[in-house]
Amino acid sequence: MELTPEQLVSEFHDAVMELYFARKRISLLESENEALRRRLSLGAEPPATEGS
């Protein structure tokens, strides 16, 4: 299957957007992980999650 130049640009744009949102999510998870590690190092219980 060959893509037109416009389709290639569109596919590239989609991939860049997916990467952007994945990096944002990773950053949020890293921050949450760090906060949980700090809580655990202080001997505090992590907050209970709903439905657990």
N, C-alpha and C. Protein backbone atom coordinates (compact mmCIF):
# COMPACT_ATOMS: atom_id res chain seq x y z
N MET A 1 0.84 -1.18 0.00
CA MET A 1 0.00 0.00 0.00
C MET A 1 0.89 1.25 0.00
N GLU A 2 0.67 2.09 -0.95
CA GLU A 2 1.42 3.34 -1.02
C GLU A 2 0.54 4.48 -0.54
N LEU A 3 1.16 5.37 0.20
CA LEU A 3 0.45 6.54 0.70
C LEU A 3 0.85 7.76 -0.11
N THR A 4 -0.11 8.64 -0.25
CA THR A 4 0.19 9.91 -0.92
C THR A 4 1.00 10.77 0.05
N PRO A 5 1.66 11.80 -0.45
CA PRO A 5 2.39 12.69 0.46
C PRO A 5 1.48 13.27 1.56
N GLU A 6 0.24 13.60 1.19
CA GLU A 6 -0.69 14.15 2.19
C GLU A 6 -1.03 13.12 3.25
N GLN A 7 -1.19 11.86 2.84
CA GLN A 7 -1.48 10.80 3.80
C GLN A 7 -0.29 10.56 4.71
N LEU A 8 0.91 10.62 4.16
CA LEU A 8 2.11 10.45 4.98
C LEU A 8 2.21 11.55 6.03
N VAL A 9 1.94 12.77 5.62
CA VAL A 9 1.97 13.89 6.56
C VAL A 9 0.92 13.69 7.64
N SER A 10 -0.26 13.26 7.25
CA SER A 10 -1.34 13.02 8.21
C SER A 10 -0.95 11.91 9.20
N GLU A 11 -0.38 10.82 8.69
CA GLU A 11 0.06 9.72 9.56
C GLU A 11 1.15 10.20 10.52
N PHE A 12 2.07 10.99 10.01
CA PHE A 12 3.14 11.52 10.85
C PHE A 12 2.56 12.43 11.94
N HIS A 13 1.64 13.29 11.57
CA HIS A 13 1.00 14.18 12.53
C HIS A 13 0.29 13.38 13.61
N ASP A 14 -0.43 12.34 13.22
CA ASP A 14 -1.12 11.49 14.19
C ASP A 14 -0.12 10.84 15.16
N ALA A 15 0.98 10.36 14.62
CA ALA A 15 2.00 9.72 15.46
C ALA A 15 2.61 10.73 16.45
N VAL A 16 2.86 11.94 15.97
CA VAL A 16 3.42 12.98 16.83
C VAL A 16 2.44 13.32 17.96
N MET A 17 1.16 13.42 17.63
CA MET A 17 0.15 13.73 18.65
C MET A 17 0.05 12.60 19.67
N GLU A 18 0.08 11.35 19.21
CA GLU A 18 0.05 10.21 20.13
C GLU A 18 1.26 10.25 21.07
N LEU A 19 2.41 10.56 20.53
CA LEU A 19 3.61 10.65 21.34
C LEU A 19 3.51 11.78 22.36
N TYR A 20 2.97 12.92 21.93
CA TYR A 20 2.80 14.06 22.83
C TYR A 20 1.93 13.68 24.03
N PHE A 21 0.78 13.05 23.76
CA PHE A 21 -0.11 12.69 24.86
C PHE A 21 0.45 11.56 25.72
N ALA A 22 1.19 10.64 25.11
CA ALA A 22 1.83 9.58 25.88
C ALA A 22 2.87 10.17 26.82
N ARG A 23 3.65 11.13 26.34
CA ARG A 23 4.67 11.77 27.18
C ARG A 23 4.03 12.55 28.32
N LYS A 24 2.89 13.21 28.04
CA LYS A 24 2.17 13.91 29.11
C LYS A 24 1.72 12.93 30.18
N ARG A 25 1.16 11.80 29.74
CA ARG A 25 0.68 10.78 30.68
C ARG A 25 1.84 10.20 31.49
N ILE A 26 2.95 9.95 30.84
CA ILE A 26 4.13 9.42 31.53
C ILE A 26 4.59 10.41 32.59
N SER A 27 4.60 11.69 32.26
CA SER A 27 5.01 12.72 33.20
C SER A 27 4.09 12.73 34.42
N LEU A 28 2.78 12.64 34.18
CA LEU A 28 1.84 12.60 35.30
C LEU A 28 2.05 11.37 36.17
N LEU A 29 2.27 10.22 35.53
CA LEU A 29 2.49 8.99 36.29
C LEU A 29 3.79 9.05 37.09
N GLU A 30 4.82 9.65 36.52
CA GLU A 30 6.08 9.80 37.25
C GLU A 30 5.89 10.69 38.47
N SER A 31 5.12 11.75 38.33
CA SER A 31 4.85 12.64 39.47
C SER A 31 4.06 11.90 40.55
N GLU A 32 3.06 11.16 40.12
CA GLU A 32 2.26 10.39 41.08
C GLU A 32 3.11 9.34 41.78
N ASN A 33 3.96 8.68 41.02
CA ASN A 33 4.85 7.67 41.58
C ASN A 33 5.78 8.29 42.63
N GLU A 34 6.34 9.44 42.31
CA GLU A 34 7.24 10.11 43.24
C GLU A 34 6.51 10.49 44.52
N ALA A 35 5.29 11.00 44.40
CA ALA A 35 4.50 11.38 45.57
C ALA A 35 4.21 10.15 46.44
N LEU A 36 3.88 9.05 45.80
CA LEU A 36 3.61 7.82 46.56
C LEU A 36 4.87 7.31 47.24
N ARG A 37 5.99 7.40 46.56
CA ARG A 37 7.26 6.97 47.18
C ARG A 37 7.58 7.82 48.42
N ARG A 38 7.32 9.14 48.31
CA ARG A 38 7.56 10.01 49.46
C ARG A 38 6.66 9.62 50.62
N ARG A 39 5.39 9.37 50.33
CA ARG A 39 4.45 8.97 51.39
C ARG A 39 4.91 7.68 52.06
N LEU A 40 5.32 6.73 51.24
CA LEU A 40 5.76 5.44 51.80
C LEU A 40 7.04 5.61 52.62
N SER A 41 7.93 6.48 52.17
CA SER A 41 9.18 6.67 52.92
C SER A 41 8.92 7.33 54.26
N LEU A 42 7.80 8.06 54.36
CA LEU A 42 7.43 8.68 55.63
C LEU A 42 6.58 7.74 56.49
N GLY A 43 6.30 6.56 55.97
CA GLY A 43 5.52 5.60 56.72
C GLY A 43 4.03 5.83 56.67
N ALA A 44 3.59 6.68 55.77
CA ALA A 44 2.16 6.97 55.66
C ALA A 44 1.50 5.96 54.76
N GLU A 45 0.24 5.73 55.01
CA GLU A 45 -0.55 4.85 54.16
C GLU A 45 -0.91 5.58 52.87
N PRO A 46 -0.81 4.89 51.72
CA PRO A 46 -1.27 5.54 50.48
C PRO A 46 -2.78 5.72 50.53
N PRO A 47 -3.30 6.72 49.87
CA PRO A 47 -4.75 6.96 49.91
C PRO A 47 -5.50 5.79 49.28
N ALA A 48 -6.63 5.43 49.88
CA ALA A 48 -7.46 4.35 49.33
C ALA A 48 -8.11 4.83 48.05
N THR A 49 -8.19 3.94 47.07
CA THR A 49 -8.86 4.27 45.83
C THR A 49 -10.27 3.73 45.86
N GLU A 50 -11.15 4.42 45.18
CA GLU A 50 -12.54 3.98 45.14
C GLU A 50 -12.63 2.66 44.40
N GLY A 51 -13.48 1.77 44.89
CA GLY A 51 -13.72 0.50 44.23
C GLY A 51 -12.71 -0.57 44.58
N SER A 52 -11.79 -0.28 45.50
CA SER A 52 -10.77 -1.28 45.87
C SER A 52 -11.16 -1.96 47.15
